């Protein structure tokens, strides 16, 4: 059996989770995704995050856009910490961006943060002008 690192060592990079106060980043550029060591990296398994209350702004009209973001990935060395993801997704609230850009940005930032074996991000956005938009992006492409 493989020895498990002491909790203190294993989670020392999780500054947002350990913080007593919650600071909401003002934009995705100011947000950071944090990760922890995957203890089951020999096993191939999926992790899924379901975010039904996503909000961003239309870059043209500045009106709010509402959507549902689903993130799935197969971890390799690292796993994504959920509080950092919550704060990261919240940072889009006052960010002007098209739906296609949101989904691809989330995927790019996820890949940069945890370097998964595989990942998928799906955005289902509420209708505006009678048209609903669904965007899916995958890694590797």
C-alpha atoms as a PDB file:
ATOM      1  CA  UNK A   1       0.000   0.000   0.000  1.00  0.00           C
ATOM      2  CA  UNK A   2       1.272   3.442  -0.929  1.00  0.00           C
ATOM      3  CA  UNK A   3       1.789   5.930   1.939  1.00  0.00           C
ATOM      4  CA  UNK A   4      -0.514   8.956   1.902  1.00  0.00           C
ATOM      5  CA  UNK A   5       1.080  12.353   2.311  1.00  0.00           C
ATOM      6  CA  UNK A   6       0.188  14.281   5.422  1.00  0.00           C
ATOM      7  CA  UNK A   7      -2.908  16.402   4.878  1.00  0.00           C
ATOM      8  CA  UNK A   8      -1.014  19.601   5.585  1.00  0.00           C
ATOM      9  CA  UNK A   9       1.489  18.907   2.770  1.00  0.00           C
ATOM     10  CA  UNK A  10      -1.095  17.646   0.325  1.00  0.00           C
ATOM     11  CA  UNK A  11      -3.410  20.635   0.629  1.00  0.00           C
ATOM     12  CA  UNK A  12      -0.941  23.477   1.182  1.00  0.00           C
ATOM     13  CA  UNK A  13      -1.685  24.980  -2.252  1.00  0.00           C
ATOM     14  CA  UNK A  14      -5.415  25.337  -1.522  1.00  0.00           C
ATOM     15  CA  UNK A  15      -5.387  28.944  -0.385  1.00  0.00           C
ATOM     16  CA  UNK A  16      -9.008  29.745  -1.285  1.00  0.00           C
ATOM     17  CA  UNK A  17     -10.526  26.806   0.561  1.00  0.00           C
ATOM     18  CA  UNK A  18      -8.468  27.454   3.694  1.00  0.00           C
ATOM     19  CA  UNK A  19      -9.172  31.182   3.690  1.00  0.00           C
ATOM     20  CA  UNK A  20     -11.581  32.376   6.375  1.00  0.00           C
ATOM     21  CA  UNK A  21     -13.026  35.049   4.069  1.00  0.00           C
ATOM     22  CA  UNK A  22     -14.366  34.742   0.551  1.00  0.00           C
ATOM     23  CA  UNK A  23     -13.132  37.300  -1.956  1.00  0.00           C
ATOM     24  CA  UNK A  24     -14.985  37.298  -5.257  1.00  0.00           C
ATOM     25  CA  UNK A  25     -12.741  38.007  -8.256  1.00  0.00           C
ATOM     26  CA  UNK A  26     -13.934  40.813 -10.537  1.00  0.00           C
ATOM     27  CA  UNK A  27     -13.034  39.020 -13.782  1.00  0.00           C
ATOM     28  CA  UNK A  28     -11.805  35.625 -15.022  1.00  0.00           C
ATOM     29  CA  UNK A  29      -8.340  37.152 -15.461  1.00  0.00           C
ATOM     30  CA  UNK A  30      -8.240  37.832 -11.701  1.00  0.00           C
ATOM     31  CA  UNK A  31      -9.638  34.434 -10.711  1.00  0.00           C
ATOM     32  CA  UNK A  32      -7.525  31.352 -10.123  1.00  0.00           C
ATOM     33  CA  UNK A  33      -8.320  27.682 -10.310  1.00  0.00           C
ATOM     34  CA  UNK A  34      -6.660  25.615  -7.586  1.00  0.00           C
ATOM     35  CA  UNK A  35      -5.877  21.909  -7.615  1.00  0.00           C
ATOM     36  CA  UNK A  36      -4.873  19.091  -5.310  1.00  0.00           C
ATOM     37  CA  UNK A  37      -2.994  15.832  -5.874  1.00  0.00           C
ATOM     38  CA  UNK A  38      -4.986  12.991  -7.406  1.00  0.00           C
ATOM     39  CA  UNK A  39      -4.378   9.920  -5.239  1.00  0.00           C
ATOM     40  CA  UNK A  40      -5.994   7.628  -7.825  1.00  0.00           C
ATOM     41  CA  UNK A  41      -4.088   8.635 -10.951  1.00  0.00           C
ATOM     42  CA  UNK A  42      -3.634   5.012 -12.038  1.00  0.00           C
ATOM     43  CA  UNK A  43      -7.407   4.740 -12.380  1.00  0.00           C
ATOM     44  CA  UNK A  44      -9.312   6.373 -15.224  1.00  0.00           C
ATOM     45  CA  UNK A  45     -12.426   8.060 -13.793  1.00  0.00           C
ATOM     46  CA  UNK A  46     -14.623  11.045 -14.593  1.00  0.00           C
ATOM     47  CA  UNK A  47     -15.260  14.044 -12.352  1.00  0.00           C
ATOM     48  CA  UNK A  48     -18.280  16.192 -13.161  1.00  0.00           C
ATOM     49  CA  UNK A  49     -19.242  19.672 -11.978  1.00  0.00           C
ATOM     50  CA  UNK A  50     -22.763  20.936 -12.611  1.00  0.00           C
ATOM     51  CA  UNK A  51     -23.201  24.713 -12.497  1.00  0.00           C
ATOM     52  CA  UNK A  52     -26.847  25.632 -13.230  1.00  0.00           C
ATOM     53  CA  UNK A  53     -26.638  29.325 -12.291  1.00  0.00           C
ATOM     54  CA  UNK A  54     -23.940  30.683 -14.619  1.00  0.00           C
ATOM     55  CA  UNK A  55     -24.158  34.378 -15.536  1.00  0.00           C
ATOM     56  CA  UNK A  56     -22.178  36.610 -17.877  1.00  0.00           C
ATOM     57  CA  UNK A  57     -22.866  39.753 -19.919  1.00  0.00           C
ATOM     58  CA  UNK A  58     -23.575  40.107 -23.621  1.00  0.00           C
ATOM     59  CA  UNK A  59     -20.562  41.974 -25.057  1.00  0.00           C
ATOM     60  CA  UNK A  60     -22.794  44.085 -27.326  1.00  0.00           C
ATOM     61  CA  UNK A  61     -25.927  44.879 -25.296  1.00  0.00           C
ATOM     62  CA  UNK A  62     -24.374  44.429 -21.817  1.00  0.00           C
ATOM     63  CA  UNK A  63     -27.542  42.562 -20.793  1.00  0.00           C
ATOM     64  CA  UNK A  64     -27.125  39.519 -18.541  1.00  0.00           C
ATOM     65  CA  UNK A  65     -26.943  36.070 -20.096  1.00  0.00           C
ATOM     66  CA  UNK A  66     -27.896  33.052 -18.007  1.00  0.00           C
ATOM     67  CA  UNK A  67     -26.813  29.505 -18.591  1.00  0.00           C
ATOM     68  CA  UNK A  68     -25.996  26.073 -17.298  1.00  0.00           C
ATOM     69  CA  UNK A  69     -22.346  24.960 -17.412  1.00  0.00           C
ATOM     70  CA  UNK A  70     -21.387  21.286 -17.116  1.00  0.00           C
ATOM     71  CA  UNK A  71     -17.715  20.364 -16.764  1.00  0.00           C
ATOM     72  CA  UNK A  72     -16.435  16.787 -17.039  1.00  0.00           C
ATOM     73  CA  UNK A  73     -12.836  15.675 -16.922  1.00  0.00           C
ATOM     74  CA  UNK A  74     -10.618  12.662 -16.368  1.00  0.00           C
ATOM     75  CA  UNK A  75      -7.910  13.727 -13.913  1.00  0.00           C
ATOM     76  CA  UNK A  76      -4.265  12.865 -14.312  1.00  0.00           C
ATOM     77  CA  UNK A  77      -1.890  14.198 -11.627  1.00  0.00           C
ATOM     78  CA  UNK A  78      -4.258  16.860 -10.262  1.00  0.00           C
ATOM     79  CA  UNK A  79      -7.923  17.331  -9.357  1.00  0.00           C
ATOM     80  CA  UNK A  80      -9.768  20.643  -9.537  1.00  0.00           C
ATOM     81  CA  UNK A  81     -10.837  22.115  -6.196  1.00  0.00           C
ATOM     82  CA  UNK A  82     -14.541  23.042  -6.270  1.00  0.00           C
ATOM     83  CA  UNK A  83     -14.511  26.309  -4.277  1.00  0.00           C
ATOM     84  CA  UNK A  84     -11.943  27.800  -6.634  1.00  0.00           C
ATOM     85  CA  UNK A  85     -14.167  26.716  -9.546  1.00  0.00           C
ATOM     86  CA  UNK A  86     -17.181  28.383  -7.926  1.00  0.00           C
ATOM     87  CA  UNK A  87     -15.292  31.668  -7.532  1.00  0.00           C
ATOM     88  CA  UNK A  88     -13.860  31.385 -11.052  1.00  0.00           C
ATOM     89  CA  UNK A  89     -17.308  30.890 -12.602  1.00  0.00           C
ATOM     90  CA  UNK A  90     -18.713  33.732 -10.472  1.00  0.00           C
ATOM     91  CA  UNK A  91     -16.044  36.019 -11.957  1.00  0.00           C
ATOM     92  CA  UNK A  92     -17.843  35.924 -15.325  1.00  0.00           C
ATOM     93  CA  UNK A  93     -20.872  37.651 -13.781  1.00  0.00           C
ATOM     94  CA  UNK A  94     -19.779  41.136 -14.888  1.00  0.00           C
ATOM     95  CA  UNK A  95     -17.620  39.972 -17.780  1.00  0.00           C
ATOM     96  CA  UNK A  96     -18.690  40.727 -21.358  1.00  0.00           C
ATOM     97  CA  UNK A  97     -18.265  37.632 -23.512  1.00  0.00           C
ATOM     98  CA  UNK A  98     -20.049  35.566 -26.165  1.00  0.00           C
ATOM     99  CA  UNK A  99     -21.265  32.072 -25.235  1.00  0.00           C
ATOM    100  CA  UNK A 100     -18.793  30.361 -27.555  1.00  0.00           C
ATOM    101  CA  UNK A 101     -15.922  32.233 -25.930  1.00  0.00           C
ATOM    102  CA  UNK A 102     -17.122  31.387 -22.396  1.00  0.00           C
ATOM    103  CA  UNK A 103     -17.122  27.632 -22.970  1.00  0.00           C
ATOM    104  CA  UNK A 104     -13.752  27.624 -24.728  1.00  0.00           C
ATOM    105  CA  UNK A 105     -12.198  29.893 -22.086  1.00  0.00           C
ATOM    106  CA  UNK A 106     -13.395  27.614 -19.279  1.00  0.00           C
ATOM    107  CA  UNK A 107     -11.947  24.582 -21.065  1.00  0.00           C
ATOM    108  CA  UNK A 108      -8.610  26.328 -21.729  1.00  0.00           C
ATOM    109  CA  UNK A 109      -8.311  27.467 -18.104  1.00  0.00           C
ATOM    110  CA  UNK A 110      -9.253  24.001 -16.798  1.00  0.00           C
ATOM    111  CA  UNK A 111      -6.620  22.347 -18.993  1.00  0.00           C
ATOM    112  CA  UNK A 112      -4.004  24.872 -17.892  1.00  0.00           C
ATOM    113  CA  UNK A 113      -4.824  24.357 -14.193  1.00  0.00           C
ATOM    114  CA  UNK A 114      -4.999  20.552 -13.946  1.00  0.00           C
ATOM    115  CA  UNK A 115      -3.749  19.107 -17.267  1.00  0.00           C
ATOM    116  CA  UNK A 116      -6.454  16.419 -17.418  1.00  0.00           C
ATOM    117  CA  UNK A 117      -6.312  13.314 -19.578  1.00  0.00           C
ATOM    118  CA  UNK A 118      -9.594  14.355 -21.126  1.00  0.00           C
ATOM    119  CA  UNK A 119     -12.114  17.159 -20.569  1.00  0.00           C
ATOM    120  CA  UNK A 120     -15.457  18.426 -21.817  1.00  0.00           C
ATOM    121  CA  UNK A 121     -17.237  21.696 -21.123  1.00  0.00           C
ATOM    122  CA  UNK A 122     -20.843  22.208 -22.152  1.00  0.00           C
ATOM    123  CA  UNK A 123     -22.796  25.437 -21.898  1.00  0.00           C
ATOM    124  CA  UNK A 124     -26.568  25.556 -22.349  1.00  0.00           C
ATOM    125  CA  UNK A 125     -27.659  29.182 -22.407  1.00  0.00           C
ATOM    126  CA  UNK A 126     -31.171  30.525 -21.892  1.00  0.00           C
ATOM    127  CA  UNK A 127     -32.958  31.763 -25.005  1.00  0.00           C
ATOM    128  CA  UNK A 128     -32.598  35.387 -26.059  1.00  0.00           C
ATOM    129  CA  UNK A 129     -34.597  36.583 -29.029  1.00  0.00           C
ATOM    130  CA  UNK A 130     -36.208  33.148 -29.268  1.00  0.00           C
ATOM    131  CA  UNK A 131     -32.926  31.270 -29.809  1.00  0.00           C
ATOM    132  CA  UNK A 132     -31.190  29.094 -27.239  1.00  0.00           C
ATOM    133  CA  UNK A 133     -27.479  28.407 -27.693  1.00  0.00           C
ATOM    134  CA  UNK A 134     -25.622  25.258 -26.650  1.00  0.00           C
ATOM    135  CA  UNK A 135     -21.837  25.123 -26.934  1.00  0.00           C
ATOM    136  CA  UNK A 136     -19.593  22.096 -26.288  1.00  0.00           C
ATOM    137  CA  UNK A 137     -15.804  21.995 -26.311  1.00  0.00           C
ATOM    138  CA  UNK A 138     -13.509  19.023 -25.727  1.00  0.00           C
ATOM    139  CA  UNK A 139      -9.882  18.323 -24.869  1.00  0.00           C
ATOM    140  CA  UNK A 140      -8.027  16.917 -26.605  1.00  0.00           C
ATOM    141  CA  UNK A 141      -9.804  18.281 -29.655  1.00  0.00           C
END
